N, C-alpha and C. Protein backbone atom coordinates (compact mmCIF):
# COMPACT_ATOMS: atom_id res chain seq x y z
N MET A 1 13.23 -28.55 13.87
CA MET A 1 14.04 -27.62 14.62
C MET A 1 14.87 -26.75 13.68
N ARG A 2 15.50 -27.38 12.69
CA ARG A 2 16.30 -26.61 11.73
C ARG A 2 15.42 -25.64 10.95
N LEU A 3 14.22 -26.08 10.63
CA LEU A 3 13.30 -25.23 9.89
C LEU A 3 12.95 -23.98 10.69
N SER A 4 12.70 -24.11 11.96
CA SER A 4 12.35 -22.94 12.78
C SER A 4 13.53 -21.99 12.94
N ILE A 5 14.75 -22.52 13.05
CA ILE A 5 15.94 -21.66 13.14
C ILE A 5 16.14 -20.92 11.83
N THR A 6 15.97 -21.60 10.71
CA THR A 6 16.10 -20.96 9.40
C THR A 6 15.06 -19.86 9.25
N PHE A 7 13.83 -20.15 9.67
CA PHE A 7 12.77 -19.15 9.58
C PHE A 7 13.10 -17.92 10.43
N LEU A 8 13.56 -18.13 11.65
CA LEU A 8 13.91 -17.02 12.54
C LEU A 8 15.06 -16.19 11.98
N LEU A 9 16.05 -16.85 11.43
CA LEU A 9 17.18 -16.11 10.84
C LEU A 9 16.73 -15.30 9.63
N SER A 10 15.88 -15.88 8.78
CA SER A 10 15.42 -15.13 7.61
C SER A 10 14.52 -13.98 8.02
N ALA A 11 13.70 -14.17 9.05
CA ALA A 11 12.85 -13.08 9.55
C ALA A 11 13.70 -11.96 10.14
N ALA A 12 14.73 -12.31 10.88
CA ALA A 12 15.62 -11.30 11.46
C ALA A 12 16.37 -10.56 10.37
N ALA A 13 16.80 -11.26 9.35
CA ALA A 13 17.53 -10.62 8.25
C ALA A 13 16.63 -9.66 7.49
N SER A 14 15.34 -10.01 7.34
CA SER A 14 14.45 -9.15 6.59
C SER A 14 14.15 -7.85 7.33
N THR A 15 14.26 -7.84 8.65
CA THR A 15 14.04 -6.60 9.39
C THR A 15 15.25 -5.69 9.32
N LEU A 16 16.38 -6.20 8.90
CA LEU A 16 17.60 -5.41 8.80
C LEU A 16 17.95 -5.19 7.34
N ALA A 17 17.02 -4.64 6.59
CA ALA A 17 17.25 -4.44 5.17
C ALA A 17 16.57 -3.15 4.74
N TYR A 18 16.82 -2.76 3.48
CA TYR A 18 16.14 -1.60 2.94
C TYR A 18 14.64 -1.75 3.11
N SER A 19 13.96 -0.62 3.29
CA SER A 19 12.51 -0.59 3.39
C SER A 19 12.03 0.68 2.70
N VAL A 20 11.17 0.56 1.69
CA VAL A 20 10.64 1.72 0.98
C VAL A 20 9.51 2.32 1.80
N THR A 21 9.62 3.61 2.13
CA THR A 21 8.58 4.29 2.92
C THR A 21 7.67 5.16 2.07
N SER A 22 8.13 5.59 0.90
CA SER A 22 7.31 6.38 -0.01
C SER A 22 7.83 6.18 -1.42
N PRO A 23 6.97 5.88 -2.37
CA PRO A 23 5.52 5.92 -2.36
C PRO A 23 4.93 4.72 -1.61
N ASN A 24 3.64 4.87 -1.28
CA ASN A 24 2.94 3.79 -0.59
C ASN A 24 1.46 3.88 -0.93
N GLY A 25 0.65 3.07 -0.29
CA GLY A 25 -0.77 3.02 -0.60
C GLY A 25 -1.51 4.33 -0.37
N SER A 26 -1.05 5.15 0.57
CA SER A 26 -1.73 6.42 0.84
C SER A 26 -1.03 7.62 0.20
N GLN A 27 0.19 7.43 -0.27
CA GLN A 27 0.94 8.53 -0.89
C GLN A 27 1.54 8.02 -2.19
N GLY A 28 0.76 8.16 -3.27
CA GLY A 28 1.22 7.70 -4.58
C GLY A 28 1.97 8.79 -5.32
N TRP A 29 2.04 8.63 -6.63
CA TRP A 29 2.72 9.58 -7.51
C TRP A 29 1.74 10.13 -8.52
N THR A 30 2.14 11.23 -9.18
CA THR A 30 1.41 11.72 -10.34
C THR A 30 2.22 11.35 -11.58
N ASN A 31 1.61 11.52 -12.73
CA ASN A 31 2.32 11.17 -13.96
C ASN A 31 2.95 12.41 -14.61
N GLN A 32 3.36 13.37 -13.79
CA GLN A 32 3.98 14.58 -14.31
C GLN A 32 5.14 15.00 -13.42
N GLY A 33 6.30 15.21 -14.02
CA GLY A 33 7.45 15.71 -13.28
C GLY A 33 8.14 14.67 -12.42
N ALA A 34 9.14 15.12 -11.67
CA ALA A 34 9.90 14.24 -10.78
C ALA A 34 9.04 13.84 -9.59
N GLN A 35 9.29 12.65 -9.05
CA GLN A 35 8.49 12.11 -7.95
C GLN A 35 9.39 11.72 -6.79
N PRO A 36 8.88 11.83 -5.55
CA PRO A 36 9.70 11.52 -4.37
C PRO A 36 9.80 10.02 -4.11
N LEU A 37 10.98 9.59 -3.72
CA LEU A 37 11.22 8.21 -3.31
C LEU A 37 11.96 8.28 -1.98
N ALA A 38 11.45 7.58 -0.97
CA ALA A 38 12.08 7.58 0.35
C ALA A 38 12.21 6.15 0.86
N TRP A 39 13.25 5.90 1.66
CA TRP A 39 13.51 4.56 2.17
C TRP A 39 14.25 4.66 3.49
N GLN A 40 14.31 3.52 4.17
CA GLN A 40 15.11 3.39 5.38
C GLN A 40 16.11 2.27 5.14
N ARG A 41 17.25 2.36 5.80
CA ARG A 41 18.27 1.33 5.66
C ARG A 41 19.04 1.21 6.97
N VAL A 42 19.82 0.16 7.06
CA VAL A 42 20.73 -0.02 8.19
C VAL A 42 22.15 -0.06 7.65
N ASN A 43 23.13 0.07 8.52
CA ASN A 43 24.53 0.16 8.10
C ASN A 43 25.03 -1.05 7.34
N THR A 44 24.40 -2.20 7.53
CA THR A 44 24.87 -3.40 6.83
C THR A 44 24.30 -3.52 5.42
N ASP A 45 23.38 -2.63 5.03
CA ASP A 45 22.83 -2.66 3.67
C ASP A 45 23.85 -2.15 2.66
N ARG A 46 23.63 -2.52 1.42
CA ARG A 46 24.47 -2.01 0.33
C ARG A 46 24.46 -0.49 0.34
N LEU A 47 25.53 0.11 -0.17
CA LEU A 47 25.62 1.57 -0.20
C LEU A 47 24.78 2.18 -1.31
N ASN A 48 24.51 1.42 -2.38
CA ASN A 48 23.71 1.96 -3.46
C ASN A 48 22.76 0.90 -4.01
N PHE A 49 21.83 1.37 -4.81
CA PHE A 49 20.84 0.49 -5.42
C PHE A 49 20.32 1.14 -6.69
N THR A 50 19.50 0.40 -7.43
CA THR A 50 18.82 0.91 -8.62
C THR A 50 17.33 0.87 -8.34
N ALA A 51 16.61 1.95 -8.66
CA ALA A 51 15.16 2.02 -8.45
C ALA A 51 14.46 1.66 -9.75
N VAL A 52 13.52 0.72 -9.66
CA VAL A 52 12.81 0.20 -10.83
C VAL A 52 11.31 0.30 -10.59
N LEU A 53 10.57 0.85 -11.56
CA LEU A 53 9.12 0.91 -11.50
C LEU A 53 8.55 -0.34 -12.14
N THR A 54 7.60 -0.99 -11.45
CA THR A 54 7.02 -2.22 -11.96
C THR A 54 5.51 -2.23 -11.70
N ASN A 55 4.81 -3.06 -12.45
CA ASN A 55 3.38 -3.29 -12.25
C ASN A 55 3.06 -4.65 -12.83
N GLN A 56 2.33 -5.47 -12.09
CA GLN A 56 1.97 -6.79 -12.61
C GLN A 56 0.98 -6.67 -13.76
N ASN A 57 0.24 -5.56 -13.83
CA ASN A 57 -0.69 -5.33 -14.93
C ASN A 57 0.10 -4.81 -16.12
N ARG A 58 0.44 -5.69 -17.03
CA ARG A 58 1.29 -5.32 -18.17
C ARG A 58 0.56 -4.45 -19.19
N GLN A 59 -0.75 -4.26 -19.03
CA GLN A 59 -1.44 -3.30 -19.90
C GLN A 59 -1.12 -1.87 -19.46
N LEU A 60 -0.88 -1.68 -18.17
CA LEU A 60 -0.49 -0.35 -17.67
C LEU A 60 1.00 -0.09 -17.86
N LEU A 61 1.81 -1.11 -17.64
CA LEU A 61 3.27 -0.98 -17.75
C LEU A 61 3.82 -2.25 -18.40
N PRO A 62 3.98 -2.23 -19.73
CA PRO A 62 4.39 -3.45 -20.44
C PRO A 62 5.72 -4.03 -19.96
N THR A 63 6.68 -3.17 -19.60
CA THR A 63 7.98 -3.66 -19.11
C THR A 63 8.40 -2.81 -17.92
N ASP A 64 9.18 -3.41 -17.04
CA ASP A 64 9.70 -2.67 -15.89
C ASP A 64 10.59 -1.53 -16.39
N GLN A 65 10.56 -0.40 -15.68
CA GLN A 65 11.30 0.79 -16.09
C GLN A 65 12.32 1.18 -15.02
N VAL A 66 13.59 1.27 -15.42
CA VAL A 66 14.63 1.75 -14.50
C VAL A 66 14.44 3.25 -14.33
N LEU A 67 14.25 3.68 -13.09
CA LEU A 67 14.05 5.10 -12.79
C LEU A 67 15.35 5.80 -12.43
N ALA A 68 16.23 5.12 -11.70
CA ALA A 68 17.50 5.71 -11.28
C ALA A 68 18.47 4.59 -10.95
N ALA A 69 19.70 4.72 -11.44
CA ALA A 69 20.74 3.72 -11.17
C ALA A 69 21.77 4.32 -10.22
N LEU A 70 22.42 3.46 -9.46
CA LEU A 70 23.46 3.85 -8.51
C LEU A 70 23.00 4.96 -7.56
N VAL A 71 21.81 4.79 -6.99
CA VAL A 71 21.29 5.74 -6.02
C VAL A 71 22.07 5.57 -4.71
N ASP A 72 22.50 6.66 -4.12
CA ASP A 72 23.23 6.62 -2.85
C ASP A 72 22.24 6.26 -1.74
N GLY A 73 22.34 5.05 -1.23
CA GLY A 73 21.41 4.56 -0.23
C GLY A 73 21.49 5.29 1.09
N THR A 74 22.61 5.95 1.37
CA THR A 74 22.75 6.64 2.65
C THR A 74 21.92 7.93 2.71
N LEU A 75 21.41 8.40 1.58
CA LEU A 75 20.64 9.64 1.55
C LEU A 75 19.28 9.50 2.23
N GLY A 76 18.63 8.37 2.07
CA GLY A 76 17.31 8.17 2.66
C GLY A 76 16.15 8.63 1.81
N ASN A 77 16.41 9.51 0.84
CA ASN A 77 15.36 9.94 -0.08
C ASN A 77 15.99 10.59 -1.30
N THR A 78 15.22 10.66 -2.35
CA THR A 78 15.64 11.31 -3.59
C THR A 78 14.39 11.59 -4.41
N THR A 79 14.55 12.28 -5.51
CA THR A 79 13.46 12.41 -6.47
C THR A 79 13.88 11.68 -7.73
N VAL A 80 12.93 10.99 -8.32
CA VAL A 80 13.22 10.25 -9.54
C VAL A 80 12.50 10.91 -10.71
N ASN A 81 13.20 11.01 -11.81
CA ASN A 81 12.64 11.60 -13.01
C ASN A 81 11.83 10.57 -13.77
N PRO A 82 10.96 11.03 -14.68
CA PRO A 82 10.17 10.07 -15.46
C PRO A 82 11.08 9.16 -16.28
N PRO A 83 10.62 7.95 -16.58
CA PRO A 83 11.38 7.07 -17.47
C PRO A 83 11.53 7.72 -18.85
N SER A 84 12.39 7.18 -19.68
CA SER A 84 12.67 7.77 -20.98
C SER A 84 11.42 7.96 -21.83
N GLY A 85 10.44 7.10 -21.71
CA GLY A 85 9.20 7.24 -22.49
C GLY A 85 8.12 8.01 -21.76
N GLY A 86 8.44 8.62 -20.62
CA GLY A 86 7.46 9.34 -19.82
C GLY A 86 6.81 8.42 -18.81
N TRP A 87 6.04 9.02 -17.91
CA TRP A 87 5.35 8.22 -16.89
C TRP A 87 4.30 7.35 -17.55
N PRO A 88 4.05 6.19 -17.00
CA PRO A 88 3.07 5.29 -17.61
C PRO A 88 1.63 5.77 -17.37
N THR A 89 0.70 5.01 -17.91
CA THR A 89 -0.72 5.29 -17.79
C THR A 89 -1.13 5.35 -16.32
N PRO A 90 -1.92 6.37 -15.94
CA PRO A 90 -2.41 6.41 -14.56
C PRO A 90 -3.18 5.13 -14.22
N GLY A 91 -3.04 4.70 -12.99
CA GLY A 91 -3.72 3.49 -12.53
C GLY A 91 -3.13 3.02 -11.23
N GLY A 92 -3.54 1.83 -10.81
CA GLY A 92 -3.09 1.27 -9.54
C GLY A 92 -2.16 0.09 -9.73
N GLY A 93 -1.68 -0.43 -8.62
CA GLY A 93 -0.84 -1.62 -8.64
C GLY A 93 0.62 -1.38 -8.94
N TYR A 94 1.05 -0.13 -8.98
CA TYR A 94 2.47 0.16 -9.23
C TYR A 94 3.28 -0.11 -7.97
N ARG A 95 4.54 -0.48 -8.16
CA ARG A 95 5.50 -0.66 -7.07
C ARG A 95 6.85 -0.14 -7.53
N VAL A 96 7.66 0.27 -6.56
CA VAL A 96 9.06 0.59 -6.83
C VAL A 96 9.89 -0.50 -6.17
N ASN A 97 10.73 -1.14 -6.96
CA ASN A 97 11.67 -2.13 -6.44
C ASN A 97 13.03 -1.47 -6.30
N LEU A 98 13.68 -1.66 -5.17
CA LEU A 98 15.08 -1.28 -5.02
C LEU A 98 15.86 -2.55 -5.29
N VAL A 99 16.63 -2.54 -6.38
CA VAL A 99 17.34 -3.75 -6.80
C VAL A 99 18.84 -3.53 -6.71
N GLN A 100 19.58 -4.62 -6.83
CA GLN A 100 21.04 -4.58 -6.67
C GLN A 100 21.69 -3.59 -7.64
N ASP A 101 21.43 -3.74 -8.92
CA ASP A 101 21.96 -2.80 -9.91
C ASP A 101 21.19 -2.97 -11.22
N ALA A 102 21.49 -2.11 -12.19
CA ALA A 102 20.76 -2.10 -13.46
C ALA A 102 20.96 -3.39 -14.26
N ASN A 103 22.02 -4.14 -13.97
CA ASN A 103 22.27 -5.39 -14.68
C ASN A 103 21.66 -6.59 -13.97
N ASP A 104 21.18 -6.40 -12.75
CA ASP A 104 20.62 -7.50 -11.97
C ASP A 104 19.29 -7.06 -11.37
N LEU A 105 18.27 -6.91 -12.21
CA LEU A 105 16.98 -6.39 -11.79
C LEU A 105 16.18 -7.39 -10.95
N ASN A 106 16.60 -8.65 -10.94
CA ASN A 106 15.86 -9.67 -10.19
C ASN A 106 16.32 -9.81 -8.75
N THR A 107 17.42 -9.17 -8.36
CA THR A 107 17.86 -9.21 -6.97
C THR A 107 17.24 -8.02 -6.26
N ILE A 108 16.05 -8.24 -5.68
CA ILE A 108 15.28 -7.18 -5.05
C ILE A 108 15.73 -7.00 -3.61
N LEU A 109 16.16 -5.79 -3.28
CA LEU A 109 16.56 -5.45 -1.92
C LEU A 109 15.36 -5.01 -1.09
N ALA A 110 14.41 -4.35 -1.74
CA ALA A 110 13.18 -3.89 -1.07
C ALA A 110 12.14 -3.61 -2.14
N GLN A 111 10.88 -3.64 -1.72
CA GLN A 111 9.77 -3.37 -2.64
C GLN A 111 8.77 -2.49 -1.92
N SER A 112 8.31 -1.45 -2.61
CA SER A 112 7.32 -0.56 -2.00
C SER A 112 5.97 -1.27 -1.94
N PRO A 113 5.08 -0.77 -1.09
CA PRO A 113 3.70 -1.24 -1.17
C PRO A 113 3.11 -0.78 -2.51
N GLU A 114 2.01 -1.39 -2.93
CA GLU A 114 1.35 -0.94 -4.16
C GLU A 114 0.86 0.49 -3.97
N PHE A 115 0.94 1.28 -5.05
CA PHE A 115 0.48 2.66 -5.01
C PHE A 115 -0.12 3.02 -6.35
N ASN A 116 -0.80 4.17 -6.39
CA ASN A 116 -1.43 4.66 -7.62
C ASN A 116 -0.58 5.74 -8.26
N ILE A 117 -0.62 5.78 -9.57
CA ILE A 117 -0.11 6.92 -10.33
C ILE A 117 -1.34 7.62 -10.89
N THR A 118 -1.48 8.91 -10.60
CA THR A 118 -2.68 9.66 -10.97
C THR A 118 -2.32 10.89 -11.80
N GLN A 119 -3.34 11.51 -12.38
CA GLN A 119 -3.18 12.79 -13.05
C GLN A 119 -2.96 13.85 -11.96
N PRO A 120 -2.09 14.84 -12.19
CA PRO A 120 -1.92 15.88 -11.18
C PRO A 120 -3.17 16.75 -11.08
N THR A 121 -3.42 17.29 -9.90
CA THR A 121 -4.55 18.20 -9.73
C THR A 121 -4.08 19.60 -10.08
N SER A 122 -4.99 20.41 -10.63
CA SER A 122 -4.62 21.77 -11.01
C SER A 122 -4.74 22.69 -9.81
N LYS A 123 -3.91 23.71 -9.81
CA LYS A 123 -3.92 24.71 -8.74
C LYS A 123 -4.06 26.09 -9.37
N SER A 124 -4.74 27.01 -8.66
CA SER A 124 -4.83 28.37 -9.16
C SER A 124 -3.70 29.21 -8.61
N SER A 125 -3.40 30.29 -9.29
CA SER A 125 -2.33 31.16 -8.83
C SER A 125 -2.79 32.60 -8.85
N SER A 126 -2.08 33.45 -8.14
CA SER A 126 -2.37 34.87 -8.15
C SER A 126 -1.06 35.64 -8.07
N THR A 127 -1.13 36.93 -8.34
CA THR A 127 0.07 37.76 -8.30
C THR A 127 0.36 38.17 -6.87
N ALA A 128 1.46 38.89 -6.66
CA ALA A 128 1.85 39.34 -5.33
C ALA A 128 0.82 40.30 -4.75
N THR A 129 0.06 40.99 -5.58
CA THR A 129 -0.94 41.93 -5.08
C THR A 129 -2.25 41.23 -4.77
N GLY A 130 -2.34 39.95 -5.06
CA GLY A 130 -3.55 39.20 -4.76
C GLY A 130 -4.60 39.30 -5.84
N GLN A 131 -4.30 39.98 -6.93
CA GLN A 131 -5.27 40.12 -8.00
C GLN A 131 -5.10 38.98 -8.98
N SER A 132 -6.19 38.42 -9.40
CA SER A 132 -6.16 37.28 -10.30
C SER A 132 -5.68 37.70 -11.68
N THR A 133 -4.87 36.85 -12.30
CA THR A 133 -4.41 37.13 -13.65
C THR A 133 -4.87 36.05 -14.62
N ALA A 134 -5.89 35.32 -14.24
CA ALA A 134 -6.36 34.21 -15.07
C ALA A 134 -7.04 34.73 -16.32
N THR A 135 -6.92 33.99 -17.38
CA THR A 135 -7.61 34.28 -18.63
C THR A 135 -8.70 33.24 -18.79
N THR A 136 -9.89 33.70 -19.15
CA THR A 136 -11.02 32.79 -19.29
C THR A 136 -11.31 32.59 -20.77
N LEU A 137 -11.45 31.36 -21.17
CA LEU A 137 -11.80 31.02 -22.54
C LEU A 137 -13.20 30.47 -22.52
N VAL A 138 -14.11 31.12 -23.27
CA VAL A 138 -15.50 30.68 -23.32
C VAL A 138 -15.74 30.08 -24.69
N ILE A 139 -16.18 28.83 -24.72
CA ILE A 139 -16.45 28.15 -25.98
C ILE A 139 -17.93 27.79 -25.98
N PRO A 140 -18.68 28.20 -27.02
CA PRO A 140 -20.10 27.88 -27.05
C PRO A 140 -20.31 26.37 -27.16
N ALA A 141 -21.49 25.93 -26.69
CA ALA A 141 -21.80 24.50 -26.70
C ALA A 141 -21.98 23.97 -28.11
N THR A 142 -22.38 24.82 -29.04
CA THR A 142 -22.55 24.37 -30.42
C THR A 142 -21.25 24.55 -31.17
N THR A 143 -21.04 23.72 -32.16
CA THR A 143 -19.84 23.85 -32.98
C THR A 143 -20.11 24.84 -34.09
N SER A 144 -19.07 25.49 -34.54
CA SER A 144 -19.21 26.49 -35.58
C SER A 144 -17.96 26.47 -36.44
N ALA A 145 -18.12 26.73 -37.70
CA ALA A 145 -16.97 26.82 -38.59
C ALA A 145 -16.27 28.16 -38.44
N ASP A 146 -16.91 29.11 -37.78
CA ASP A 146 -16.35 30.44 -37.57
C ASP A 146 -15.32 30.39 -36.45
N PRO A 147 -14.01 30.63 -36.75
CA PRO A 147 -12.98 30.56 -35.71
C PRO A 147 -13.11 31.63 -34.64
N THR A 148 -13.92 32.69 -34.88
CA THR A 148 -14.08 33.75 -33.89
C THR A 148 -15.33 33.53 -33.04
N ALA A 149 -15.93 32.34 -33.13
CA ALA A 149 -17.17 32.07 -32.40
C ALA A 149 -16.95 32.09 -30.89
N GLY A 150 -15.80 31.67 -30.42
CA GLY A 150 -15.50 31.70 -28.98
C GLY A 150 -15.03 33.09 -28.58
N THR A 151 -15.16 33.42 -27.31
CA THR A 151 -14.68 34.71 -26.84
C THR A 151 -13.64 34.50 -25.77
N VAL A 152 -12.72 35.41 -25.70
CA VAL A 152 -11.68 35.37 -24.68
C VAL A 152 -11.79 36.64 -23.87
N SER A 153 -11.85 36.52 -22.56
CA SER A 153 -11.92 37.71 -21.72
C SER A 153 -10.76 37.70 -20.73
N THR A 154 -10.23 38.87 -20.47
CA THR A 154 -9.13 39.04 -19.54
C THR A 154 -9.49 40.16 -18.57
N PRO A 155 -9.27 40.00 -17.27
CA PRO A 155 -9.54 41.09 -16.33
C PRO A 155 -8.78 42.35 -16.74
N GLN A 156 -9.37 43.53 -16.48
CA GLN A 156 -8.77 44.80 -16.92
C GLN A 156 -7.39 45.02 -16.35
N ASN A 157 -7.16 44.64 -15.12
CA ASN A 157 -5.87 44.93 -14.48
C ASN A 157 -4.94 43.73 -14.49
N ALA A 158 -5.16 42.76 -15.37
CA ALA A 158 -4.36 41.53 -15.35
C ALA A 158 -2.89 41.81 -15.63
N GLY A 159 -2.57 42.72 -16.51
CA GLY A 159 -1.18 42.98 -16.83
C GLY A 159 -0.62 44.22 -16.16
N THR A 160 -1.39 44.87 -15.30
CA THR A 160 -0.97 46.12 -14.68
C THR A 160 -0.22 45.84 -13.39
N PRO A 161 1.06 46.22 -13.30
CA PRO A 161 1.79 46.00 -12.05
C PRO A 161 1.32 46.99 -10.98
N ALA A 162 1.44 46.61 -9.75
CA ALA A 162 1.09 47.50 -8.63
C ALA A 162 2.28 48.40 -8.33
N PHE A 163 2.05 49.74 -8.30
CA PHE A 163 3.14 50.69 -8.14
C PHE A 163 3.33 51.15 -6.70
N GLU A 164 2.46 50.76 -5.78
CA GLU A 164 2.56 51.27 -4.41
C GLU A 164 3.93 50.98 -3.81
N GLY A 165 4.40 49.75 -3.93
CA GLY A 165 5.69 49.37 -3.36
C GLY A 165 6.84 50.07 -4.06
N GLN A 166 6.71 50.29 -5.37
CA GLN A 166 7.77 50.94 -6.12
C GLN A 166 7.84 52.43 -5.78
N LEU A 167 6.69 53.07 -5.54
CA LEU A 167 6.69 54.49 -5.18
C LEU A 167 7.35 54.71 -3.82
N ALA A 168 7.24 53.77 -2.93
CA ALA A 168 7.85 53.91 -1.61
C ALA A 168 9.37 53.89 -1.68
N LEU A 169 9.93 53.38 -2.76
CA LEU A 169 11.38 53.30 -2.89
C LEU A 169 12.01 54.62 -3.35
N ILE A 170 11.21 55.53 -3.91
CA ILE A 170 11.75 56.79 -4.44
C ILE A 170 12.44 57.61 -3.34
N PRO A 171 11.80 57.84 -2.17
CA PRO A 171 12.52 58.61 -1.13
C PRO A 171 13.79 57.90 -0.66
N LEU A 172 13.75 56.60 -0.60
CA LEU A 172 14.93 55.85 -0.17
C LEU A 172 16.10 56.07 -1.14
N PHE A 173 15.82 56.00 -2.43
CA PHE A 173 16.87 56.22 -3.42
C PHE A 173 17.34 57.68 -3.42
N SER A 174 16.45 58.62 -3.13
CA SER A 174 16.84 60.04 -3.06
C SER A 174 17.83 60.26 -1.93
N ILE A 175 17.56 59.67 -0.77
CA ILE A 175 18.47 59.80 0.38
C ILE A 175 19.80 59.13 0.07
N LEU A 176 19.75 57.97 -0.55
CA LEU A 176 20.97 57.25 -0.92
C LEU A 176 21.80 58.07 -1.90
N ALA A 177 21.15 58.69 -2.88
CA ALA A 177 21.86 59.52 -3.86
C ALA A 177 22.50 60.74 -3.18
N PHE A 178 21.82 61.32 -2.17
CA PHE A 178 22.35 62.47 -1.44
C PHE A 178 23.65 62.10 -0.74
N PHE A 179 23.69 60.94 -0.08
CA PHE A 179 24.89 60.53 0.64
C PHE A 179 26.02 60.12 -0.31
N LEU A 180 25.70 59.62 -1.45
CA LEU A 180 26.72 59.19 -2.40
C LEU A 180 27.30 60.35 -3.20
N ALA A 181 26.60 61.48 -3.26
CA ALA A 181 27.04 62.61 -4.07
C ALA A 181 28.13 63.41 -3.43
């Protein structure tokens, strides 16, 4: 009987605690730049915590890394910067632990589900006029001691600004100058 009451109390207490909502198994992180961290809490939870990155695979992450200390728990989300040595090797099995403080890393308030850290995907960009400004580098399949063996090509209008919008401003400035004179 005492065992069942203890179990029920511990189960009830665990539902009234911090809960990491992101990152998770379907929404991981990349190994570049700041990354999002989100959680839920109740009013009886501590006001702050320390976020720690961990992985049981010590080949990917030899030691746990403190990501942020004294995080305001009432915010519900934040972005965490890379650890001092940079983000670890891409892979799976990473978790974020919300712990009591930087001096007590073993008092875990919440733990994220396992997630992956991956390489970021590249995105293309264009100018406001919609014209591509990409530069293409062509390298031949064979190696050569000649440093000019590769060619670089750039679209003809890559650096040319579009003047249509700027020309439309001339009458506006003329009228403005007339009233100010």
